[in-house]
Amino acid sequence: GGRFTLGLSGGSMVELLARELPPALSAKPGADASRWLVAFCDERLVPPEHPDSTYGAYRVRGERGGHR
């Protein structure tokens, strides 16, 4: 029962992580997302709708289905 910490960076990592992370979590029995701490490690001080927002990029990618 520990905690898993993950820092999400932007740029080209958005597409890779949005595509690969959900199926990897689904394949891992006992993966408890409530024990995860997820942070955006290079977020800009811009609104989420701004093209430079890392949070916004992950949110938009998730709304489009995340992974293929």
N, C-alpha and C. Protein backbone atom coordinates (compact mmCIF):
# COMPACT_ATOMS: atom_id res chain seq x y z
N GLY A 1 0.64 -1.20 0.00
CA GLY A 1 0.00 0.00 0.00
C GLY A 1 0.69 1.29 0.00
N GLY A 2 1.69 1.52 -0.83
CA GLY A 2 2.30 2.84 -0.92
C GLY A 2 1.60 3.75 -1.91
N ARG A 3 2.26 4.81 -2.20
CA ARG A 3 1.74 5.79 -3.14
C ARG A 3 2.68 5.84 -4.35
N PHE A 4 2.10 6.05 -5.53
CA PHE A 4 2.87 6.18 -6.76
C PHE A 4 2.75 7.63 -7.23
N THR A 5 3.89 8.26 -7.48
CA THR A 5 3.90 9.64 -7.94
C THR A 5 4.38 9.69 -9.39
N LEU A 6 3.64 10.43 -10.21
CA LEU A 6 3.96 10.53 -11.63
C LEU A 6 3.92 11.99 -12.03
N GLY A 7 5.02 12.47 -12.63
CA GLY A 7 5.07 13.83 -13.16
C GLY A 7 4.87 13.78 -14.67
N LEU A 8 3.86 14.48 -15.15
CA LEU A 8 3.56 14.50 -16.59
C LEU A 8 4.15 15.75 -17.22
N SER A 9 5.00 15.56 -18.22
CA SER A 9 5.50 16.70 -18.96
C SER A 9 4.73 16.86 -20.25
N GLY A 10 4.94 17.98 -20.88
CA GLY A 10 4.20 18.30 -22.08
C GLY A 10 4.93 17.90 -23.35
N GLY A 11 4.66 18.64 -24.40
CA GLY A 11 5.31 18.38 -25.68
C GLY A 11 4.91 17.04 -26.27
N SER A 12 5.89 16.33 -26.79
CA SER A 12 5.63 15.06 -27.45
C SER A 12 5.21 13.96 -26.47
N MET A 13 5.44 14.16 -25.17
CA MET A 13 5.06 13.16 -24.18
C MET A 13 3.54 13.05 -24.03
N VAL A 14 2.81 14.12 -24.35
CA VAL A 14 1.35 14.10 -24.20
C VAL A 14 0.75 12.97 -25.02
N GLU A 15 1.08 12.91 -26.29
CA GLU A 15 0.51 11.88 -27.15
C GLU A 15 0.93 10.49 -26.71
N LEU A 16 2.20 10.32 -26.39
CA LEU A 16 2.71 9.01 -25.96
C LEU A 16 2.02 8.53 -24.68
N LEU A 17 2.00 9.36 -23.66
CA LEU A 17 1.42 8.94 -22.39
C LEU A 17 -0.10 8.79 -22.47
N ALA A 18 -0.76 9.66 -23.20
CA ALA A 18 -2.21 9.54 -23.35
C ALA A 18 -2.58 8.24 -24.07
N ARG A 19 -1.71 7.80 -24.95
CA ARG A 19 -1.97 6.57 -25.70
C ARG A 19 -1.58 5.32 -24.90
N GLU A 20 -0.44 5.36 -24.22
CA GLU A 20 0.12 4.15 -23.60
C GLU A 20 -0.25 3.93 -22.14
N LEU A 21 -0.48 5.00 -21.40
CA LEU A 21 -0.72 4.83 -19.96
C LEU A 21 -2.05 4.17 -19.63
N PRO A 22 -3.18 4.58 -20.22
CA PRO A 22 -4.45 3.90 -19.86
C PRO A 22 -4.45 2.39 -20.10
N PRO A 23 -3.98 1.90 -21.26
CA PRO A 23 -3.98 0.44 -21.41
C PRO A 23 -3.01 -0.26 -20.47
N ALA A 24 -1.90 0.41 -20.13
CA ALA A 24 -0.94 -0.20 -19.19
C ALA A 24 -1.57 -0.34 -17.81
N LEU A 25 -2.33 0.67 -17.40
CA LEU A 25 -3.00 0.60 -16.09
C LEU A 25 -4.08 -0.45 -16.09
N SER A 26 -4.81 -0.56 -17.18
CA SER A 26 -5.87 -1.57 -17.28
C SER A 26 -5.31 -2.98 -17.22
N ALA A 27 -4.11 -3.16 -17.71
CA ALA A 27 -3.49 -4.48 -17.76
C ALA A 27 -2.86 -4.88 -16.43
N LYS A 28 -2.73 -3.93 -15.51
CA LYS A 28 -2.08 -4.21 -14.23
C LYS A 28 -3.13 -4.48 -13.16
N PRO A 29 -3.32 -5.75 -12.77
CA PRO A 29 -4.30 -6.06 -11.72
C PRO A 29 -3.92 -5.36 -10.42
N GLY A 30 -4.90 -4.79 -9.76
CA GLY A 30 -4.65 -4.14 -8.48
C GLY A 30 -4.12 -2.72 -8.57
N ALA A 31 -3.97 -2.18 -9.77
CA ALA A 31 -3.54 -0.79 -9.90
C ALA A 31 -4.64 0.10 -9.33
N ASP A 32 -4.34 0.78 -8.25
CA ASP A 32 -5.34 1.59 -7.54
C ASP A 32 -5.05 3.06 -7.81
N ALA A 33 -5.81 3.65 -8.73
CA ALA A 33 -5.58 5.04 -9.12
C ALA A 33 -5.75 6.00 -7.95
N SER A 34 -6.48 5.63 -6.92
CA SER A 34 -6.66 6.52 -5.77
C SER A 34 -5.37 6.68 -4.97
N ARG A 35 -4.39 5.81 -5.20
CA ARG A 35 -3.09 5.89 -4.52
C ARG A 35 -2.06 6.65 -5.34
N TRP A 36 -2.47 7.19 -6.49
CA TRP A 36 -1.57 7.91 -7.38
C TRP A 36 -1.60 9.41 -7.10
N LEU A 37 -0.45 10.03 -7.18
CA LEU A 37 -0.34 11.48 -7.17
C LEU A 37 0.21 11.87 -8.54
N VAL A 38 -0.59 12.56 -9.31
CA VAL A 38 -0.20 12.96 -10.67
C VAL A 38 -0.04 14.47 -10.70
N ALA A 39 1.10 14.92 -11.20
CA ALA A 39 1.38 16.36 -11.27
C ALA A 39 1.89 16.72 -12.66
N PHE A 40 1.69 17.96 -13.04
CA PHE A 40 2.20 18.47 -14.31
C PHE A 40 3.51 19.18 -14.00
N CYS A 41 4.63 18.65 -14.47
CA CYS A 41 5.92 19.16 -14.03
C CYS A 41 6.45 20.34 -14.84
N ASP A 42 5.86 20.68 -15.93
CA ASP A 42 6.34 21.86 -16.67
C ASP A 42 5.17 22.75 -17.10
N GLU A 43 4.16 22.84 -16.25
CA GLU A 43 2.97 23.62 -16.60
C GLU A 43 3.31 25.10 -16.71
N ARG A 44 2.71 25.76 -17.68
CA ARG A 44 2.87 27.20 -17.86
C ARG A 44 1.78 27.92 -17.08
N LEU A 45 2.01 29.17 -16.78
CA LEU A 45 1.00 29.99 -16.10
C LEU A 45 0.07 30.60 -17.13
N VAL A 46 -0.70 29.74 -17.74
CA VAL A 46 -1.67 30.14 -18.76
C VAL A 46 -2.97 29.40 -18.48
N PRO A 47 -4.09 29.89 -19.00
CA PRO A 47 -5.36 29.17 -18.82
C PRO A 47 -5.30 27.79 -19.50
N PRO A 48 -6.09 26.83 -19.02
CA PRO A 48 -6.08 25.49 -19.61
C PRO A 48 -6.41 25.47 -21.11
N GLU A 49 -7.13 26.48 -21.58
CA GLU A 49 -7.51 26.53 -23.00
C GLU A 49 -6.35 27.00 -23.89
N HIS A 50 -5.31 27.54 -23.28
CA HIS A 50 -4.17 28.09 -24.05
C HIS A 50 -3.36 26.94 -24.66
N PRO A 51 -2.86 27.11 -25.88
CA PRO A 51 -2.08 26.05 -26.54
C PRO A 51 -0.82 25.64 -25.78
N ASP A 52 -0.29 26.50 -24.90
CA ASP A 52 0.92 26.17 -24.14
C ASP A 52 0.64 25.46 -22.83
N SER A 53 -0.62 25.17 -22.53
CA SER A 53 -0.98 24.52 -21.27
C SER A 53 -0.80 23.01 -21.36
N THR A 54 0.05 22.46 -20.51
CA THR A 54 0.24 21.02 -20.47
C THR A 54 -1.04 20.33 -20.00
N TYR A 55 -1.65 20.85 -18.94
CA TYR A 55 -2.92 20.30 -18.46
C TYR A 55 -3.96 20.29 -19.58
N GLY A 56 -4.06 21.41 -20.29
CA GLY A 56 -5.03 21.51 -21.38
C GLY A 56 -4.76 20.50 -22.47
N ALA A 57 -3.49 20.25 -22.77
CA ALA A 57 -3.14 19.28 -23.81
C ALA A 57 -3.58 17.88 -23.42
N TYR A 58 -3.37 17.49 -22.16
CA TYR A 58 -3.81 16.16 -21.70
C TYR A 58 -5.33 16.09 -21.67
N ARG A 59 -5.97 17.16 -21.24
CA ARG A 59 -7.43 17.16 -21.17
C ARG A 59 -8.03 17.00 -22.57
N VAL A 60 -7.53 17.76 -23.54
CA VAL A 60 -8.03 17.66 -24.92
C VAL A 60 -7.77 16.27 -25.47
N ARG A 61 -6.59 15.73 -25.24
CA ARG A 61 -6.25 14.40 -25.74
C ARG A 61 -7.17 13.35 -25.11
N GLY A 62 -7.47 13.50 -23.82
CA GLY A 62 -8.39 12.58 -23.14
C GLY A 62 -9.80 12.65 -23.68
N GLU A 63 -10.23 13.85 -24.03
CA GLU A 63 -11.58 14.02 -24.58
C GLU A 63 -11.71 13.39 -25.96
N ARG A 64 -10.58 13.25 -26.65
CA ARG A 64 -10.61 12.63 -27.98
C ARG A 64 -10.43 11.12 -27.91
N GLY A 65 -10.44 10.58 -26.72
CA GLY A 65 -10.35 9.13 -26.61
C GLY A 65 -9.05 8.65 -26.03
N GLY A 66 -8.08 9.53 -25.80
CA GLY A 66 -6.84 9.15 -25.11
C GLY A 66 -5.96 8.21 -25.87
N HIS A 67 -6.40 6.99 -26.08
CA HIS A 67 -5.57 6.01 -26.77
C HIS A 67 -6.34 5.41 -27.93
N ARG A 68 -5.56 4.83 -28.81
CA ARG A 68 -6.16 4.26 -30.03
C ARG A 68 -6.42 2.80 -29.84
